[in-house]
Amino acid sequence: MDLARVLRHLLFPGVLVRRAFPAAALSRIEAAIAASESRHRGQIRYAVEGALDLRPLIAGQTARERAIEVFSALHVWDTEENNGVLIYLLLADRDVEIVADRAIARHVGPAGWEAICRRMEEEFRAGRFTQGVVEGSRRWAITSRYTTPQRRSGATSCRMRRSSYETHPLKKLVIA
């Protein structure tokens, strides 16, 4: 158990999540995601969490493990074409995780996801949190546009349930 990490999470002020991502920022992120989704077949969810609770910290849960848990809890995997993507931020760890469903993961590959994460982190280091998420969505659209073409007119898909700016009932997640 990393005591410094536990303390960082336990002392993380929850207000910093809303300060980094106020309502206007979440609106801009949601618009960027919608624009991105209009150019490819993938379906994106975004979630930011300030810090983990004590139990997962003591158990040693990583940001990646939490992102996979959130991916499941939000039913990002529940798409007709297995093309859901979760962009997850854990602010106390300063960590960006992208979890992709099978069909999308095959096309983009680890190097592609890593490049998107690094670009987002550059923006975050400069204090441009909204721009970081917008840039991640945009780069993902560019990467996936060639591998998962836009749906033909009239085609249907199973849209993920999207609840703008909700707080997840079990955890302190802000979701767009």
Protein backbone atom coordinates (compact mmCIF):
# COMPACT_ATOMS: atom_id res chain seq x y z
CA MET A 1 0.00 0.00 0.00
CA ASP A 2 1.34 3.43 -0.99
CA LEU A 3 0.70 5.68 2.01
CA ALA A 4 1.41 8.87 0.04
CA ARG A 5 -1.23 7.87 -2.52
CA VAL A 6 -3.77 7.05 0.19
CA LEU A 7 -3.25 10.44 1.83
CA ARG A 8 -3.39 12.26 -1.52
CA HIS A 9 -6.78 10.66 -2.24
CA LEU A 10 -8.21 11.11 1.23
CA LEU A 11 -7.19 14.78 1.35
CA PHE A 12 -8.21 15.58 -2.24
CA PRO A 13 -10.79 18.41 -2.12
CA GLY A 14 -13.85 17.37 -4.11
CA VAL A 15 -14.48 20.97 -5.14
CA LEU A 16 -11.46 20.74 -7.45
CA VAL A 17 -13.42 18.49 -9.82
CA ARG A 18 -16.09 21.15 -10.35
CA ARG A 19 -13.45 23.86 -10.55
CA ALA A 20 -11.54 22.00 -13.27
CA PHE A 21 -14.76 20.99 -15.07
CA PRO A 22 -17.54 23.55 -14.46
CA ALA A 23 -20.90 23.22 -16.22
CA ALA A 24 -19.74 25.28 -19.22
CA ALA A 25 -16.72 23.01 -19.64
CA LEU A 26 -18.89 19.91 -19.48
CA SER A 27 -21.18 21.42 -22.15
CA ARG A 28 -18.17 22.00 -24.38
CA ILE A 29 -16.92 18.45 -23.79
CA GLU A 30 -20.33 16.99 -24.56
CA ALA A 31 -20.50 19.02 -27.80
CA ALA A 32 -17.00 17.82 -28.77
CA ILE A 33 -17.98 14.22 -28.11
CA ALA A 34 -21.15 14.61 -30.19
CA ALA A 35 -19.14 16.17 -33.04
CA SER A 36 -16.60 13.37 -32.79
CA GLU A 37 -19.29 10.69 -32.84
CA SER A 38 -20.80 12.20 -36.00
CA ARG A 39 -17.56 11.35 -37.85
CA HIS A 40 -17.18 7.69 -36.89
CA ARG A 41 -19.07 4.71 -35.52
CA GLY A 42 -17.58 4.76 -32.03
CA GLN A 43 -19.52 5.83 -28.96
CA ILE A 44 -17.69 7.82 -26.29
CA ARG A 45 -18.37 8.35 -22.59
CA TYR A 46 -16.33 10.64 -20.39
CA ALA A 47 -16.03 10.41 -16.61
CA VAL A 48 -13.89 12.32 -14.13
CA GLU A 49 -13.38 11.37 -10.53
CA GLY A 50 -11.51 13.40 -7.95
CA ALA A 51 -10.29 10.58 -5.72
CA LEU A 52 -10.93 6.99 -4.74
CA ASP A 53 -12.56 5.97 -1.48
CA LEU A 54 -10.57 4.33 1.30
CA ARG A 55 -11.51 0.71 0.61
CA PRO A 56 -10.25 0.62 -3.01
CA LEU A 57 -7.14 2.52 -1.94
CA ILE A 58 -6.30 -0.01 0.74
CA ALA A 59 -6.94 -2.81 -1.74
CA GLY A 60 -4.46 -1.11 -4.09
CA GLN A 61 -6.94 -0.40 -6.89
CA THR A 62 -5.19 1.33 -9.78
CA ALA A 63 -6.67 4.03 -11.96
CA ARG A 64 -6.83 1.48 -14.79
CA GLU A 65 -8.77 -0.99 -12.64
CA ARG A 66 -11.16 1.77 -11.58
CA ALA A 67 -11.62 2.83 -15.22
CA ILE A 68 -12.57 -0.74 -16.14
CA GLU A 69 -15.02 -0.81 -13.23
CA VAL A 70 -16.59 2.48 -14.41
CA PHE A 71 -16.67 1.17 -18.02
CA SER A 72 -18.76 -1.72 -16.75
CA ALA A 73 -20.94 0.29 -14.33
CA LEU A 74 -21.86 2.80 -17.04
CA HIS A 75 -22.58 0.01 -19.56
CA VAL A 76 -20.14 1.49 -22.07
CA TRP A 77 -19.65 -2.08 -23.33
CA ASP A 78 -23.37 -2.34 -24.12
CA THR A 79 -23.32 -1.17 -27.74
CA GLU A 80 -24.52 -3.02 -30.80
CA GLU A 81 -21.13 -2.92 -32.50
CA ASN A 82 -18.86 -3.32 -29.43
CA ASN A 83 -17.53 0.16 -30.13
CA GLY A 84 -17.83 1.98 -26.79
CA VAL A 85 -14.96 4.03 -25.41
CA LEU A 86 -14.57 5.48 -21.92
CA ILE A 87 -12.24 8.40 -21.28
CA TYR A 88 -11.64 8.31 -17.52
CA LEU A 89 -9.74 10.85 -15.45
CA LEU A 90 -8.65 10.26 -11.87
CA LEU A 91 -7.50 13.68 -10.74
CA ALA A 92 -5.80 12.68 -7.45
CA ASP A 93 -3.49 10.37 -9.42
CA ARG A 94 -3.24 12.76 -12.39
CA ASP A 95 -4.08 9.76 -14.53
CA VAL A 96 -5.91 9.44 -17.85
CA GLU A 97 -7.25 6.03 -18.80
CA ILE A 98 -9.00 5.11 -22.03
CA VAL A 99 -10.94 1.85 -22.01
CA ALA A 100 -12.18 0.65 -25.38
CA ASP A 101 -14.54 -2.14 -26.30
CA ARG A 102 -13.32 -5.02 -28.48
CA ALA A 103 -14.15 -3.74 -31.96
CA ILE A 104 -12.60 -0.32 -31.44
CA ALA A 105 -9.60 -1.63 -29.50
CA ARG A 106 -8.66 -3.88 -32.44
CA HIS A 107 -8.59 -0.95 -34.85
CA VAL A 108 -6.79 1.71 -32.87
CA GLY A 109 -4.24 -0.40 -30.98
CA PRO A 110 -2.20 0.37 -27.86
CA ALA A 111 0.12 2.88 -29.55
CA GLY A 112 -2.85 4.88 -30.83
CA TRP A 113 -4.49 5.05 -27.40
CA GLU A 114 -1.17 5.93 -25.77
CA ALA A 115 -0.66 8.84 -28.20
CA ILE A 116 -4.14 10.16 -27.43
CA CYS A 117 -3.50 9.91 -23.66
CA ARG A 118 -0.15 11.70 -23.94
CA ARG A 119 -1.73 14.57 -25.89
CA MET A 120 -4.48 14.94 -23.30
CA GLU A 121 -1.91 14.92 -20.50
CA GLU A 122 0.03 17.73 -22.21
CA GLU A 123 -3.09 19.90 -22.07
CA PHE A 124 -3.79 18.92 -18.45
CA ARG A 125 -0.23 19.82 -17.38
CA ALA A 126 -0.84 23.28 -18.86
CA GLY A 127 -4.04 23.58 -16.81
CA ARG A 128 -6.31 23.28 -19.86
CA PHE A 129 -8.52 20.44 -18.64
CA THR A 130 -11.46 21.03 -20.95
CA GLN A 131 -9.19 21.41 -23.96
CA GLY A 132 -7.45 18.18 -22.99
CA VAL A 133 -10.67 16.18 -23.16
CA VAL A 134 -11.81 17.97 -26.32
CA GLU A 135 -8.44 17.28 -27.94
CA GLY A 136 -8.62 13.62 -26.91
CA SER A 137 -12.06 13.27 -28.49
CA ARG A 138 -10.88 15.03 -31.64
CA ARG A 139 -7.76 12.90 -32.00
CA TRP A 140 -9.74 9.77 -31.38
CA ALA A 141 -12.14 10.79 -34.16
CA ILE A 142 -9.23 11.31 -36.56
CA THR A 143 -7.72 7.94 -35.63
CA SER A 144 -10.95 5.97 -35.78
CA ARG A 145 -12.54 7.74 -38.75
CA TYR A 146 -10.47 5.67 -41.13
CA THR A 147 -11.03 2.36 -39.39
CA THR A 148 -14.67 2.63 -38.38
CA PRO A 149 -16.50 4.63 -41.05
CA GLN A 150 -19.50 6.75 -40.26
CA ARG A 151 -22.86 4.97 -40.33
CA ARG A 152 -24.76 5.14 -43.57
CA SER A 153 -27.90 7.25 -43.52
CA GLY A 154 -30.76 5.32 -42.00
CA ALA A 155 -28.54 2.84 -40.18
CA THR A 156 -29.37 2.24 -36.56
CA SER A 157 -27.25 1.61 -33.54
CA CYS A 158 -27.80 1.00 -29.88
CA ARG A 159 -26.92 4.33 -28.28
CA MET A 160 -25.45 4.28 -24.83
CA ARG A 161 -27.48 5.91 -22.14
CA ARG A 162 -26.06 9.40 -21.81
CA SER A 163 -26.98 11.47 -18.78
CA SER A 164 -25.37 14.86 -19.07
CA TYR A 165 -23.46 16.00 -16.02
CA GLU A 166 -24.88 13.34 -13.76
CA THR A 167 -23.18 12.29 -10.60
CA HIS A 168 -22.96 8.52 -10.46
CA PRO A 169 -25.05 7.37 -7.49
CA LEU A 170 -22.38 5.03 -6.09
CA LYS A 171 -19.29 7.18 -6.57
CA LYS A 172 -18.31 10.77 -7.08
CA LEU A 173 -18.23 10.65 -10.87
CA VAL A 174 -19.06 13.52 -13.16
CA ILE A 175 -20.19 12.12 -16.48
CA ALA A 176 -20.74 13.73 -19.87
